[in-house]
Amino acid sequence: MINNIGLAYKANKLILGYENFIKIASTDKFKLIIIAKDCSNNTKKKIYKICEIQNIDVLEKFTSTDLSASLGKRNIKVISITDRGFANLIRSQGD
């Protein structure tokens, strides 16, 4: 599943970071949100609240180290998937 996050990144089908999530959260752009397990509780609470209102699934399975490594980036805690196909693929492999 973590490899598919990297593929979504290469296909430009995701948005990185909490700030970018908040800026775009009012649109119907997001199909799945991935939050690092080690993300702060306050950030998680805000994201879960927005996702509940907008009926967006949240996946909390990896650490920020795992997420960062899958993208070749540093300190990634929030990933917003914008493509339904990638969201379904990642969601189906999350079990």
C-alpha atoms as a PDB file:
ATOM      1  CA  MET A   1       0.000   0.000   0.000  1.00  0.00           C
ATOM      2  CA  ILE A   2       2.773   2.453   0.850  1.00  0.00           C
ATOM      3  CA  ASN A   3       4.156   2.029  -2.699  1.00  0.00           C
ATOM      4  CA  ASN A   4       0.822   3.166  -4.119  1.00  0.00           C
ATOM      5  CA  ILE A   5       1.126   6.418  -2.179  1.00  0.00           C
ATOM      6  CA  GLY A   6       4.409   7.012  -4.022  1.00  0.00           C
ATOM      7  CA  LEU A   7       2.716   6.232  -7.342  1.00  0.00           C
ATOM      8  CA  ALA A   8      -0.081   8.701  -6.550  1.00  0.00           C
ATOM      9  CA  TYR A   9       2.561  11.326  -5.807  1.00  0.00           C
ATOM     10  CA  LYS A  10       4.346  10.706  -9.108  1.00  0.00           C
ATOM     11  CA  ALA A  11       0.984  10.920 -10.904  1.00  0.00           C
ATOM     12  CA  ASN A  12       0.303  14.272  -9.175  1.00  0.00           C
ATOM     13  CA  LYS A  13      -2.846  12.858  -7.538  1.00  0.00           C
ATOM     14  CA  LEU A  14      -2.211  13.958  -3.959  1.00  0.00           C
ATOM     15  CA  ILE A  15      -1.625  17.061  -1.875  1.00  0.00           C
ATOM     16  CA  LEU A  16       0.885  17.140   0.958  1.00  0.00           C
ATOM     17  CA  GLY A  17       0.598  18.777   4.341  1.00  0.00           C
ATOM     18  CA  TYR A  18      -1.926  19.954   6.886  1.00  0.00           C
ATOM     19  CA  GLU A  19      -1.934  23.572   5.694  1.00  0.00           C
ATOM     20  CA  ASN A  20      -2.758  22.541   2.143  1.00  0.00           C
ATOM     21  CA  PHE A  21      -5.483  20.219   3.432  1.00  0.00           C
ATOM     22  CA  ILE A  22      -7.083  23.110   5.344  1.00  0.00           C
ATOM     23  CA  LYS A  23      -6.870  25.489   2.347  1.00  0.00           C
ATOM     24  CA  ILE A  24      -8.645  23.085   0.014  1.00  0.00           C
ATOM     25  CA  ALA A  25     -10.842  21.169   2.488  1.00  0.00           C
ATOM     26  CA  SER A  26     -13.993  23.087   1.565  1.00  0.00           C
ATOM     27  CA  THR A  27     -13.940  21.616  -1.952  1.00  0.00           C
ATOM     28  CA  ASP A  28     -14.920  18.103  -2.998  1.00  0.00           C
ATOM     29  CA  LYS A  29     -11.372  17.464  -4.159  1.00  0.00           C
ATOM     30  CA  PHE A  30     -10.293  14.905  -1.545  1.00  0.00           C
ATOM     31  CA  LYS A  31     -11.162  11.226  -1.790  1.00  0.00           C
ATOM     32  CA  LEU A  32      -9.000   9.900   1.079  1.00  0.00           C
ATOM     33  CA  ILE A  33      -6.889  11.476   3.819  1.00  0.00           C
ATOM     34  CA  ILE A  34      -3.857   9.683   5.245  1.00  0.00           C
ATOM     35  CA  ILE A  35      -2.658  10.886   8.654  1.00  0.00           C
ATOM     36  CA  ALA A  36       0.576   9.792  10.312  1.00  0.00           C
ATOM     37  CA  LYS A  37       0.071   7.872  13.553  1.00  0.00           C
ATOM     38  CA  ASP A  38       2.506  10.231  15.255  1.00  0.00           C
ATOM     39  CA  CYS A  39       0.680  13.381  14.149  1.00  0.00           C
ATOM     40  CA  SER A  40      -0.410  15.618  17.032  1.00  0.00           C
ATOM     41  CA  ASN A  41      -3.769  14.870  18.628  1.00  0.00           C
ATOM     42  CA  ASN A  42      -4.931  18.436  17.984  1.00  0.00           C
ATOM     43  CA  THR A  43      -4.217  18.120  14.267  1.00  0.00           C
ATOM     44  CA  LYS A  44      -5.895  14.708  14.117  1.00  0.00           C
ATOM     45  CA  LYS A  45      -8.957  16.085  15.874  1.00  0.00           C
ATOM     46  CA  LYS A  46      -9.303  18.948  13.367  1.00  0.00           C
ATOM     47  CA  ILE A  47      -8.833  16.678  10.366  1.00  0.00           C
ATOM     48  CA  TYR A  48     -11.270  14.051  11.617  1.00  0.00           C
ATOM     49  CA  LYS A  49     -13.891  16.729  12.267  1.00  0.00           C
ATOM     50  CA  ILE A  50     -13.630  18.135   8.727  1.00  0.00           C
ATOM     51  CA  CYS A  51     -13.581  14.653   7.201  1.00  0.00           C
ATOM     52  CA  GLU A  52     -16.643  13.600   9.166  1.00  0.00           C
ATOM     53  CA  ILE A  53     -18.587  16.625   7.940  1.00  0.00           C
ATOM     54  CA  GLN A  54     -17.513  16.052   4.323  1.00  0.00           C
ATOM     55  CA  ASN A  55     -17.734  12.253   4.456  1.00  0.00           C
ATOM     56  CA  ILE A  56     -14.066  11.662   3.587  1.00  0.00           C
ATOM     57  CA  ASP A  57     -12.367   8.457   4.733  1.00  0.00           C
ATOM     58  CA  VAL A  58      -9.286   8.787   6.947  1.00  0.00           C
ATOM     59  CA  LEU A  59      -6.501   6.216   7.090  1.00  0.00           C
ATOM     60  CA  GLU A  60      -4.145   6.294  10.063  1.00  0.00           C
ATOM     61  CA  LYS A  61      -1.785   3.378   9.553  1.00  0.00           C
ATOM     62  CA  PHE A  62       1.754   4.699   9.080  1.00  0.00           C
ATOM     63  CA  THR A  63       4.225   6.914  10.922  1.00  0.00           C
ATOM     64  CA  SER A  64       5.479  10.171   9.448  1.00  0.00           C
ATOM     65  CA  THR A  65       8.797   8.407   8.804  1.00  0.00           C
ATOM     66  CA  ASP A  66       7.013   5.768   6.684  1.00  0.00           C
ATOM     67  CA  LEU A  67       5.025   8.371   4.753  1.00  0.00           C
ATOM     68  CA  SER A  68       8.051  10.599   4.208  1.00  0.00           C
ATOM     69  CA  ALA A  69      10.159   7.696   2.963  1.00  0.00           C
ATOM     70  CA  SER A  70       7.477   6.604   0.492  1.00  0.00           C
ATOM     71  CA  LEU A  71       7.572  10.062  -1.089  1.00  0.00           C
ATOM     72  CA  GLY A  72      11.252  10.890  -0.739  1.00  0.00           C
ATOM     73  CA  LYS A  73      10.328  13.875   1.442  1.00  0.00           C
ATOM     74  CA  ARG A  74      10.828  14.883   5.069  1.00  0.00           C
ATOM     75  CA  ASN A  75       8.351  15.276   7.918  1.00  0.00           C
ATOM     76  CA  ILE A  76       5.157  14.313   6.037  1.00  0.00           C
ATOM     77  CA  LYS A  77       2.210  13.883   8.390  1.00  0.00           C
ATOM     78  CA  VAL A  78      -0.856  14.515   6.207  1.00  0.00           C
ATOM     79  CA  ILE A  79      -1.491  13.269   2.675  1.00  0.00           C
ATOM     80  CA  SER A  80      -4.672  14.115   0.793  1.00  0.00           C
ATOM     81  CA  ILE A  81      -5.468  11.803  -2.114  1.00  0.00           C
ATOM     82  CA  THR A  82      -7.370  13.575  -4.904  1.00  0.00           C
ATOM     83  CA  ASP A  83      -7.964  10.671  -7.282  1.00  0.00           C
ATOM     84  CA  ARG A  84     -10.801   8.215  -6.665  1.00  0.00           C
ATOM     85  CA  GLY A  85      -8.909   5.306  -8.277  1.00  0.00           C
ATOM     86  CA  PHE A  86      -5.829   5.752  -6.093  1.00  0.00           C
ATOM     87  CA  ALA A  87      -8.026   6.306  -3.024  1.00  0.00           C
ATOM     88  CA  ASN A  88      -9.896   3.050  -3.684  1.00  0.00           C
ATOM     89  CA  LEU A  89      -6.651   1.163  -4.292  1.00  0.00           C
ATOM     90  CA  ILE A  90      -5.008   2.419  -1.102  1.00  0.00           C
ATOM     91  CA  ARG A  91      -8.191   1.946   0.937  1.00  0.00           C
ATOM     92  CA  SER A  92      -8.628  -1.643  -0.311  1.00  0.00           C
ATOM     93  CA  GLN A  93      -5.049  -2.522   0.620  1.00  0.00           C
ATOM     94  CA  GLY A  94      -5.348  -0.917   4.051  1.00  0.00           C
ATOM     95  CA  ASP A  95      -6.953  -3.968   5.657  1.00  0.00           C
END
